[in-house]
Amino acid sequence: MAENKLTYKKAVSELEAIVNEIENEDVDVDNLLEKVKRASFLINYCKEKLRATEAEVKKVLSSLEENKEEK
């Protein structure tokens, strides 16, 4: 069975779909809270993914600078 792992790209795509549904008034009041909660989760997921990626990139760049200075 294929694992349906959430990725940044999938999260952004789902978030865009939710925003479109809400903007087009395709969400009834009974489902609105559920959609808003899911959107909040996806926003936080994306923010954390971006923070983690930024930290890793900084670490790699710092390592490159250290190696450059050693030569």
Protein backbone atom coordinates (compact mmCIF):
# COMPACT_ATOMS: atom_id res chain seq x y z
CA MET A 1 0.00 0.00 0.00
CA ALA A 2 1.41 3.39 -0.99
CA GLU A 3 2.07 5.78 1.84
CA ASN A 4 0.27 9.10 1.48
CA LYS A 5 3.01 11.19 3.10
CA LEU A 6 2.39 14.91 3.31
CA THR A 7 4.96 16.99 1.48
CA TYR A 8 5.36 20.73 1.22
CA LYS A 9 4.07 20.65 -2.36
CA LYS A 10 1.00 18.59 -1.40
CA ALA A 11 0.30 20.85 1.58
CA VAL A 12 0.45 24.00 -0.55
CA SER A 13 -1.75 22.42 -3.20
CA GLU A 14 -4.35 21.35 -0.62
CA LEU A 15 -4.21 24.78 1.01
CA GLU A 16 -4.81 26.47 -2.35
CA ALA A 17 -7.80 24.19 -2.94
CA ILE A 18 -9.28 25.06 0.45
CA VAL A 19 -8.80 28.78 -0.17
CA ASN A 20 -10.49 28.46 -3.58
CA GLU A 21 -13.43 26.58 -2.06
CA ILE A 22 -13.89 29.24 0.61
CA GLU A 23 -13.48 32.16 -1.83
CA ASN A 24 -15.99 30.58 -4.24
CA GLU A 25 -18.36 29.93 -1.36
CA ASP A 26 -18.30 26.19 -2.16
CA VAL A 27 -18.03 25.31 1.54
CA ASP A 28 -21.19 25.13 3.56
CA VAL A 29 -21.23 26.39 7.12
CA ASP A 30 -21.23 22.83 8.49
CA ASN A 31 -17.84 22.13 6.88
CA LEU A 32 -16.30 25.58 7.21
CA LEU A 33 -14.75 25.00 10.63
CA GLU A 34 -13.22 21.72 9.46
CA LYS A 35 -11.70 23.43 6.41
CA VAL A 36 -10.32 26.32 8.50
CA LYS A 37 -8.75 23.90 10.99
CA ARG A 38 -7.16 21.91 8.16
CA ALA A 39 -5.88 25.13 6.56
CA SER A 40 -4.36 26.17 9.88
CA PHE A 41 -2.62 22.80 10.20
CA LEU A 42 -1.28 23.06 6.64
CA ILE A 43 0.00 26.60 7.17
CA ASN A 44 1.85 25.54 10.31
CA TYR A 45 3.24 22.47 8.52
CA CYS A 46 4.56 24.63 5.67
CA LYS A 47 6.06 27.21 8.03
CA GLU A 48 7.88 24.50 9.98
CA LYS A 49 9.10 22.85 6.78
CA LEU A 50 10.47 26.18 5.56
CA ARG A 51 12.17 26.89 8.91
CA ALA A 52 13.79 23.44 8.95
CA THR A 53 14.95 23.79 5.36
CA GLU A 54 16.38 27.24 6.04
CA ALA A 55 18.29 25.90 9.07
CA GLU A 56 19.72 23.03 7.03
CA VAL A 57 20.75 25.33 4.18
CA LYS A 58 22.48 27.66 6.65
CA LYS A 59 24.28 24.67 8.17
CA VAL A 60 25.51 23.49 4.77
CA LEU A 61 26.62 26.98 3.75
CA SER A 62 28.40 27.44 7.06
CA SER A 63 30.18 24.14 6.55
CA LEU A 64 31.26 25.23 3.08
CA GLU A 65 32.61 28.50 4.46
CA GLU A 66 34.55 26.65 7.18
CA ASN A 67 36.07 24.32 4.58
CA LYS A 68 36.96 27.31 2.40
CA GLU A 69 38.71 29.08 5.30
CA GLU A 70 40.71 25.95 6.18
CA LYS A 71 42.31 25.85 2.72
